Amino acid sequence: MSIGMISFLALCVFFIQVPQGQTGCAEVDSMTEAVAGESFLLGCISCKRREEVPGSAIVDWHFKPAGTEEFIHIFHYEHPFPTIRHENYEGRLEWQGTMGTKDVQIGAIFIHNVTYNDTGTYLCTFHRTLYLLLDEEHVIINKEVELTVVEEANPELTAVISEIMMYVVIVVLQLWMIGVLIYCYRKIYAENEAREARKAARSQNKFIDSKDPCDGVYLE
């Protein structure tokens, strides 16, 4: 399954699972299986309860390697500046969250050139400030992602079903096109037959009209 197809499926899930009352944001869990040597999107979404309330957010990512107990700070984003905080991730992390505003609701990051050492627990933290009419409200939201790094991607059920449906649609479209071609061929053939029949009828009528009316009449 290609990265493009996986991204497409993730976007489909994102737009399908929009909760009631929120039209611009949906909290979707991150994928948890990365392929060594490729890029991987660590998803983290924290939607505001009320979209009309202005706010701002700072996002931090921490990482706890498998088999350890302590988190290390690897990434910090405060609009508009992303900062990599750990040397092991220098040049490998890329901000893929909300752009162009301090009101961050998507805190996703790309990990490039994934290695087996990236296996572990990732903690995404939103430090959100809501600007209410009379006061400010400060909220902290934590989301964890348990990441496993594998040699080859294991197709998920949703991806398998989607791929099967894609081939089914292709086959159905091909059969439909064949049916349309057969229908058009039969229609054109029938019209040609009718045209030839009309020509034959007109030729026969002209032949009858052109016969000498005296043929067959003999004088005594």
C-alpha atoms as a PDB file:
ATOM      1  CA  MET A   1       0.000   0.000   0.000  1.00  0.00           C
ATOM      2  CA  SER A   2       1.587   3.289  -1.081  1.00  0.00           C
ATOM      3  CA  ILE A   3       1.987   6.335   1.170  1.00  0.00           C
ATOM      4  CA  GLY A   4      -0.321   8.280  -1.158  1.00  0.00           C
ATOM      5  CA  MET A   5      -3.106   5.728  -0.720  1.00  0.00           C
ATOM      6  CA  ILE A   6      -2.649   5.677   3.066  1.00  0.00           C
ATOM      7  CA  SER A   7      -2.784   9.468   3.181  1.00  0.00           C
ATOM      8  CA  PHE A   8      -5.905   9.446   1.057  1.00  0.00           C
ATOM      9  CA  LEU A   9      -7.579   6.948   3.416  1.00  0.00           C
ATOM     10  CA  ALA A  10      -6.569   8.977   6.439  1.00  0.00           C
ATOM     11  CA  LEU A  11      -8.130  12.083   4.906  1.00  0.00           C
ATOM     12  CA  CYS A  12     -11.315  10.119   4.128  1.00  0.00           C
ATOM     13  CA  VAL A  13     -11.546   8.973   7.738  1.00  0.00           C
ATOM     14  CA  PHE A  14     -10.881  12.529   8.901  1.00  0.00           C
ATOM     15  CA  PHE A  15     -13.808  13.980   6.951  1.00  0.00           C
ATOM     16  CA  ILE A  16     -16.194  11.080   7.662  1.00  0.00           C
ATOM     17  CA  GLN A  17     -15.753  11.061  11.435  1.00  0.00           C
ATOM     18  CA  VAL A  18     -16.723  14.675  12.101  1.00  0.00           C
ATOM     19  CA  PRO A  19     -18.561  14.805  15.454  1.00  0.00           C
ATOM     20  CA  GLN A  20     -21.837  16.615  15.825  1.00  0.00           C
ATOM     21  CA  GLY A  21     -21.472  20.335  16.390  1.00  0.00           C
ATOM     22  CA  GLN A  22     -17.954  20.556  14.895  1.00  0.00           C
ATOM     23  CA  THR A  23     -17.706  21.239  11.203  1.00  0.00           C
ATOM     24  CA  GLY A  24     -14.023  22.123  10.892  1.00  0.00           C
ATOM     25  CA  CYS A  25     -12.219  19.708  13.206  1.00  0.00           C
ATOM     26  CA  ALA A  26     -12.351  16.017  14.045  1.00  0.00           C
ATOM     27  CA  GLU A  27     -10.187  14.173  16.551  1.00  0.00           C
ATOM     28  CA  VAL A  28      -8.771  11.127  14.769  1.00  0.00           C
ATOM     29  CA  ASP A  29      -6.237   8.779  16.342  1.00  0.00           C
ATOM     30  CA  SER A  30      -2.790   8.595  14.817  1.00  0.00           C
ATOM     31  CA  MET A  31      -1.580   5.541  12.940  1.00  0.00           C
ATOM     32  CA  THR A  32       0.832   3.468  15.020  1.00  0.00           C
ATOM     33  CA  GLU A  33       2.960   1.451  12.585  1.00  0.00           C
ATOM     34  CA  ALA A  34       5.863   2.991  10.713  1.00  0.00           C
ATOM     35  CA  VAL A  35       8.127   1.415   8.084  1.00  0.00           C
ATOM     36  CA  ALA A  36      11.877   1.653   8.603  1.00  0.00           C
ATOM     37  CA  GLY A  37      13.576   4.010   6.178  1.00  0.00           C
ATOM     38  CA  GLU A  38      10.367   5.815   5.199  1.00  0.00           C
ATOM     39  CA  SER A  39       8.506   8.867   6.481  1.00  0.00           C
ATOM     40  CA  PHE A  40       5.713   8.644   9.029  1.00  0.00           C
ATOM     41  CA  LEU A  41       3.022  11.090  10.120  1.00  0.00           C
ATOM     42  CA  LEU A  42       2.555  11.313  13.878  1.00  0.00           C
ATOM     43  CA  GLY A  43      -1.027  12.520  14.189  1.00  0.00           C
ATOM     44  CA  CYS A  44      -2.261  14.696  17.021  1.00  0.00           C
ATOM     45  CA  ILE A  45      -5.524  16.634  16.901  1.00  0.00           C
ATOM     46  CA  SER A  46      -7.152  18.594  19.721  1.00  0.00           C
ATOM     47  CA  CYS A  47     -10.381  20.342  18.746  1.00  0.00           C
ATOM     48  CA  LYS A  48     -11.790  23.272  20.649  1.00  0.00           C
ATOM     49  CA  ARG A  49     -15.201  22.641  22.160  1.00  0.00           C
ATOM     50  CA  ARG A  50     -16.486  25.954  20.789  1.00  0.00           C
ATOM     51  CA  GLU A  51     -15.087  27.113  17.480  1.00  0.00           C
ATOM     52  CA  GLU A  52     -16.322  30.672  17.945  1.00  0.00           C
ATOM     53  CA  VAL A  53     -14.089  31.239  20.988  1.00  0.00           C
ATOM     54  CA  PRO A  54     -10.707  32.664  19.937  1.00  0.00           C
ATOM     55  CA  GLY A  55      -7.653  30.915  21.249  1.00  0.00           C
ATOM     56  CA  SER A  56      -4.007  30.034  20.809  1.00  0.00           C
ATOM     57  CA  ALA A  57      -1.988  26.903  21.427  1.00  0.00           C
ATOM     58  CA  ILE A  58       1.600  25.768  21.823  1.00  0.00           C
ATOM     59  CA  VAL A  59       2.446  22.172  20.939  1.00  0.00           C
ATOM     60  CA  ASP A  60       5.198  20.021  22.428  1.00  0.00           C
ATOM     61  CA  TRP A  61       6.253  16.503  21.495  1.00  0.00           C
ATOM     62  CA  HIS A  62       8.066  14.190  23.905  1.00  0.00           C
ATOM     63  CA  PHE A  63       9.427  10.707  23.262  1.00  0.00           C
ATOM     64  CA  LYS A  64       9.982   7.739  25.570  1.00  0.00           C
ATOM     65  CA  PRO A  65      12.053   4.981  23.922  1.00  0.00           C
ATOM     66  CA  ALA A  66      10.859   1.416  24.346  1.00  0.00           C
ATOM     67  CA  GLY A  67      12.138  -0.076  27.594  1.00  0.00           C
ATOM     68  CA  THR A  68      12.756   3.264  29.329  1.00  0.00           C
ATOM     69  CA  GLU A  69      10.734   5.330  31.792  1.00  0.00           C
ATOM     70  CA  GLU A  70      11.649   8.932  31.013  1.00  0.00           C
ATOM     71  CA  PHE A  71      10.363  11.182  28.259  1.00  0.00           C
ATOM     72  CA  ILE A  72      12.725  13.408  26.302  1.00  0.00           C
ATOM     73  CA  HIS A  73      11.634  16.688  24.706  1.00  0.00           C
ATOM     74  CA  ILE A  74      12.043  16.385  20.917  1.00  0.00           C
ATOM     75  CA  PHE A  75       9.896  19.116  19.325  1.00  0.00           C
ATOM     76  CA  HIS A  76       8.290  22.470  20.145  1.00  0.00           C
ATOM     77  CA  TYR A  77       5.927  24.574  18.035  1.00  0.00           C
ATOM     78  CA  GLU A  78       4.849  28.108  18.853  1.00  0.00           C
ATOM     79  CA  HIS A  79       3.436  29.906  15.832  1.00  0.00           C
ATOM     80  CA  PRO A  80       5.124  30.445  13.500  1.00  0.00           C
ATOM     81  CA  PHE A  81       8.357  28.789  14.650  1.00  0.00           C
ATOM     82  CA  PRO A  82       8.944  25.001  14.823  1.00  0.00           C
ATOM     83  CA  THR A  83      11.945  23.944  16.906  1.00  0.00           C
ATOM     84  CA  ILE A  84      13.623  20.529  17.095  1.00  0.00           C
ATOM     85  CA  ARG A  85      14.774  19.977  20.679  1.00  0.00           C
ATOM     86  CA  HIS A  86      16.809  16.773  20.461  1.00  0.00           C
ATOM     87  CA  GLU A  87      19.884  15.978  18.386  1.00  0.00           C
ATOM     88  CA  ASN A  88      18.654  12.490  17.434  1.00  0.00           C
ATOM     89  CA  TYR A  89      15.817  14.123  15.486  1.00  0.00           C
ATOM     90  CA  GLU A  90      17.770  16.971  13.947  1.00  0.00           C
ATOM     91  CA  GLY A  91      16.692  17.341  10.309  1.00  0.00           C
ATOM     92  CA  ARG A  92      14.152  14.508  10.621  1.00  0.00           C
ATOM     93  CA  LEU A  93      11.111  16.262  12.101  1.00  0.00           C
ATOM     94  CA  GLU A  94       8.785  18.472  10.062  1.00  0.00           C
ATOM     95  CA  TRP A  95       5.748  20.384  11.264  1.00  0.00           C
ATOM     96  CA  GLN A  96       2.536  19.225   9.557  1.00  0.00           C
ATOM     97  CA  GLY A  97       0.024  20.875  11.853  1.00  0.00           C
ATOM     98  CA  THR A  98      -2.127  24.004  11.629  1.00  0.00           C
ATOM     99  CA  MET A  99      -0.511  26.745   9.556  1.00  0.00           C
ATOM    100  CA  GLY A 100      -1.000  30.505   9.448  1.00  0.00           C
ATOM    101  CA  THR A 101      -2.628  30.964  12.860  1.00  0.00           C
ATOM    102  CA  LYS A 102      -1.866  30.743  16.579  1.00  0.00           C
ATOM    103  CA  ASP A 103      -5.138  28.862  17.062  1.00  0.00           C
ATOM    104  CA  VAL A 104      -3.530  25.464  16.534  1.00  0.00           C
ATOM    105  CA  GLN A 105      -5.806  22.415  16.562  1.00  0.00           C
ATOM    106  CA  ILE A 106      -3.695  19.991  14.515  1.00  0.00           C
ATOM    107  CA  GLY A 107      -0.280  19.260  16.001  1.00  0.00           C
ATOM    108  CA  ALA A 108       0.932  16.571  13.605  1.00  0.00           C
ATOM    109  CA  ILE A 109       4.605  16.126  12.722  1.00  0.00           C
ATOM    110  CA  PHE A 110       6.445  14.081  10.086  1.00  0.00           C
ATOM    111  CA  ILE A 111       9.301  11.799  11.072  1.00  0.00           C
ATOM    112  CA  HIS A 112      11.601  11.323   8.102  1.00  0.00           C
ATOM    113  CA  ASN A 113      13.936   8.365   7.634  1.00  0.00           C
ATOM    114  CA  VAL A 114      12.348   6.307  10.413  1.00  0.00           C
ATOM    115  CA  THR A 115      14.678   3.952  12.315  1.00  0.00           C
ATOM    116  CA  TYR A 116      14.027   1.117  14.731  1.00  0.00           C
ATOM    117  CA  ASN A 117      15.229   3.422  17.521  1.00  0.00           C
ATOM    118  CA  ASP A 118      12.084   5.505  16.933  1.00  0.00           C
ATOM    119  CA  THR A 119       9.975   2.713  18.459  1.00  0.00           C
ATOM    120  CA  GLY A 120       8.342   3.853  21.687  1.00  0.00           C
ATOM    121  CA  THR A 121       5.775   6.223  23.157  1.00  0.00           C
ATOM    122  CA  TYR A 122       5.226   9.722  21.786  1.00  0.00           C
ATOM    123  CA  LEU A 123       3.454  12.306  23.924  1.00  0.00           C
ATOM    124  CA  CYS A 124       1.759  15.253  22.200  1.00  0.00           C
ATOM    125  CA  THR A 125       0.853  18.148  24.506  1.00  0.00           C
ATOM    126  CA  PHE A 126      -1.356  21.134  23.688  1.00  0.00           C
ATOM    127  CA  HIS A 127      -0.956  24.190  25.917  1.00  0.00           C
ATOM    128  CA  ARG A 128      -4.124  26.031  24.936  1.00  0.00           C
ATOM    129  CA  THR A 129      -5.344  29.460  25.957  1.00  0.00           C
ATOM    130  CA  LEU A 130      -8.979  30.402  25.356  1.00  0.00           C
ATOM    131  CA  TYR A 131      -9.745  34.120  25.279  1.00  0.00           C
ATOM    132  CA  LEU A 132     -13.141  34.427  26.929  1.00  0.00           C
ATOM    133  CA  LEU A 133     -15.068  37.666  27.287  1.00  0.00           C
ATOM    134  CA  LEU A 134     -14.175  38.201  30.950  1.00  0.00           C
ATOM    135  CA  ASP A 135     -11.117  36.034  31.452  1.00  0.00           C
ATOM    136  CA  GLU A 136      -8.608  33.649  29.924  1.00  0.00           C
ATOM    137  CA  GLU A 137      -8.821  29.889  30.344  1.00  0.00           C
ATOM    138  CA  HIS A 138      -5.699  27.740  30.200  1.00  0.00           C
ATOM    139  CA  VAL A 139      -6.054  24.095  29.214  1.00  0.00           C
ATOM    140  CA  ILE A 140      -3.489  21.296  28.824  1.00  0.00           C
ATOM    141  CA  ILE A 141      -4.340  18.319  26.607  1.00  0.00           C
ATOM    142  CA  ASN A 142      -2.112  15.233  26.362  1.00  0.00           C
ATOM    143  CA  LYS A 143      -2.308  12.559  23.680  1.00  0.00           C
ATOM    144  CA  GLU A 144      -0.096   9.481  23.427  1.00  0.00           C
ATOM    145  CA  VAL A 145       0.942   7.488  20.372  1.00  0.00           C
ATOM    146  CA  GLU A 146       2.510   4.043  20.727  1.00  0.00           C
ATOM    147  CA  LEU A 147       4.714   3.697  17.666  1.00  0.00           C
ATOM    148  CA  THR A 148       6.063   0.409  16.316  1.00  0.00           C
ATOM    149  CA  VAL A 149       8.653   0.327  13.538  1.00  0.00           C
ATOM    150  CA  VAL A 150       8.506  -2.628  11.133  1.00  0.00           C
ATOM    151  CA  GLU A 151      10.452  -3.717   8.081  1.00  0.00           C
ATOM    152  CA  GLU A 152       7.423  -3.835   5.778  1.00  0.00           C
ATOM    153  CA  ALA A 153       3.985  -2.308   6.068  1.00  0.00           C
ATOM    154  CA  ASN A 154       1.190  -4.602   7.204  1.00  0.00           C
ATOM    155  CA  PRO A 155      -2.010  -3.762   5.311  1.00  0.00           C
ATOM    156  CA  GLU A 156      -4.854  -2.821   7.629  1.00  0.00           C
ATOM    157  CA  LEU A 157      -8.375  -4.122   7.104  1.00  0.00           C
ATOM    158  CA  THR A 158      -9.662  -0.718   6.005  1.00  0.00           C
ATOM    159  CA  ALA A 159      -6.872  -0.391   3.471  1.00  0.00           C
ATOM    160  CA  VAL A 160      -7.491  -3.902   2.108  1.00  0.00           C
ATOM    161  CA  ILE A 161     -11.231  -3.295   1.757  1.00  0.00           C
ATOM    162  CA  SER A 162     -10.613   0.068   0.079  1.00  0.00           C
ATOM    163  CA  GLU A 163      -8.201  -1.491  -2.404  1.00  0.00           C
ATOM    164  CA  ILE A 164     -10.682  -4.275  -3.208  1.00  0.00           C
ATOM    165  CA  MET A 165     -13.445  -1.712  -3.724  1.00  0.00           C
ATOM    166  CA  MET A 166     -11.158   0.280  -6.018  1.00  0.00           C
ATOM    167  CA  TYR A 167     -10.648  -2.750  -8.283  1.00  0.00           C
ATOM    168  CA  VAL A 168     -14.382  -3.561  -8.165  1.00  0.00           C
ATOM    169  CA  VAL A 169     -15.202  -0.024  -9.299  1.00  0.00           C
ATOM    170  CA  ILE A 170     -12.652  -0.284 -12.127  1.00  0.00           C
ATOM    171  CA  VAL A 171     -14.156  -3.580 -13.320  1.00  0.00           C
ATOM    172  CA  VAL A 172     -17.712  -2.191 -13.115  1.00  0.00           C
ATOM    173  CA  LEU A 173     -16.697   0.899 -15.118  1.00  0.00           C
ATOM    174  CA  GLN A 174     -15.053  -1.260 -17.777  1.00  0.00           C
ATOM    175  CA  LEU A 175     -18.154  -3.457 -18.066  1.00  0.00           C
ATOM    176  CA  TRP A 176     -20.315  -0.332 -18.292  1.00  0.00           C
ATOM    177  CA  MET A 177     -18.123   1.041 -21.094  1.00  0.00           C
ATOM    178  CA  ILE A 178     -18.349  -2.269 -22.959  1.00  0.00           C
ATOM    179  CA  GLY A 179     -22.147  -2.206 -22.567  1.00  0.00           C
ATOM    180  CA  VAL A 180     -22.291   1.358 -23.889  1.00  0.00           C
ATOM    181  CA  LEU A 181     -20.166   0.399 -26.918  1.00  0.00           C
ATOM    182  CA  ILE A 182     -22.400  -2.602 -27.672  1.00  0.00           C
ATOM    183  CA  TYR A 183     -25.530  -0.440 -27.336  1.00  0.00           C
ATOM    184  CA  CYS A 184     -24.092   2.238 -29.638  1.00  0.00           C
ATOM    185  CA  TYR A 185     -23.014  -0.373 -32.187  1.00  0.00           C
ATOM    186  CA  ARG A 186     -26.469  -1.944 -32.249  1.00  0.00           C
ATOM    187  CA  LYS A 187     -28.143   1.436 -32.533  1.00  0.00           C
ATOM    188  CA  ILE A 188     -25.908   2.513 -35.409  1.00  0.00           C
ATOM    189  CA  TYR A 189     -26.383  -0.864 -37.142  1.00  0.00           C
ATOM    190  CA  ALA A 190     -30.184  -0.604 -36.785  1.00  0.00           C
ATOM    191  CA  GLU A 191     -30.158   2.940 -38.165  1.00  0.00           C
ATOM    192  CA  ASN A 192     -28.052   1.831 -41.150  1.00  0.00           C
ATOM    193  CA  GLU A 193     -30.424  -1.079 -41.813  1.00  0.00           C
ATOM    194  CA  ALA A 194     -33.429   1.262 -41.662  1.00  0.00           C
ATOM    195  CA  ARG A 195     -31.688   3.746 -43.970  1.00  0.00           C
ATOM    196  CA  GLU A 196     -30.916   0.998 -46.506  1.00  0.00           C
ATOM    197  CA  ALA A 197     -34.500  -0.243 -46.292  1.00  0.00           C
ATOM    198  CA  ARG A 198     -35.815   3.259 -46.969  1.00  0.00           C
ATOM    199  CA  LYS A 199     -33.453   3.614 -49.926  1.00  0.00           C
ATOM    200  CA  ALA A 200     -34.593   0.287 -51.330  1.00  0.00           C
ATOM    201  CA  ALA A 201     -38.245   1.278 -50.908  1.00  0.00           C
ATOM    202  CA  ARG A 202     -37.689   4.620 -52.661  1.00  0.00           C
ATOM    203  CA  SER A 203     -35.817   2.912 -55.510  1.00  0.00           C
ATOM    204  CA  GLN A 204     -38.636   0.400 -55.935  1.00  0.00           C
ATOM    205  CA  ASN A 205     -41.244   3.181 -55.985  1.00  0.00           C
ATOM    206  CA  LYS A 206     -39.276   5.115 -58.606  1.00  0.00           C
ATOM    207  CA  PHE A 207     -38.977   1.973 -60.714  1.00  0.00           C
ATOM    208  CA  ILE A 208     -42.737   1.374 -60.584  1.00  0.00           C
ATOM    209  CA  ASP A 209     -43.519   5.009 -61.413  1.00  0.00           C
ATOM    210  CA  SER A 210     -41.145   5.014 -64.397  1.00  0.00           C
ATOM    211  CA  LYS A 211     -42.676   1.934 -66.102  1.00  0.00           C
ATOM    212  CA  ASP A 212     -44.499   2.616 -69.428  1.00  0.00           C
ATOM    213  CA  PRO A 213     -48.226   2.574 -68.760  1.00  0.00           C
ATOM    214  CA  CYS A 214     -48.758   1.056 -72.205  1.00  0.00           C
ATOM    215  CA  ASP A 215     -46.731  -2.048 -71.417  1.00  0.00           C
ATOM    216  CA  GLY A 216     -48.833  -5.133 -71.849  1.00  0.00           C
ATOM    217  CA  VAL A 217     -51.502  -3.396 -73.999  1.00  0.00           C
ATOM    218  CA  TYR A 218     -51.835  -4.841 -77.521  1.00  0.00           C
ATOM    219  CA  LEU A 219     -53.941  -3.495 -80.394  1.00  0.00           C
ATOM    220  CA  GLU A 220     -56.168  -5.916 -82.314  1.00  0.00           C
END
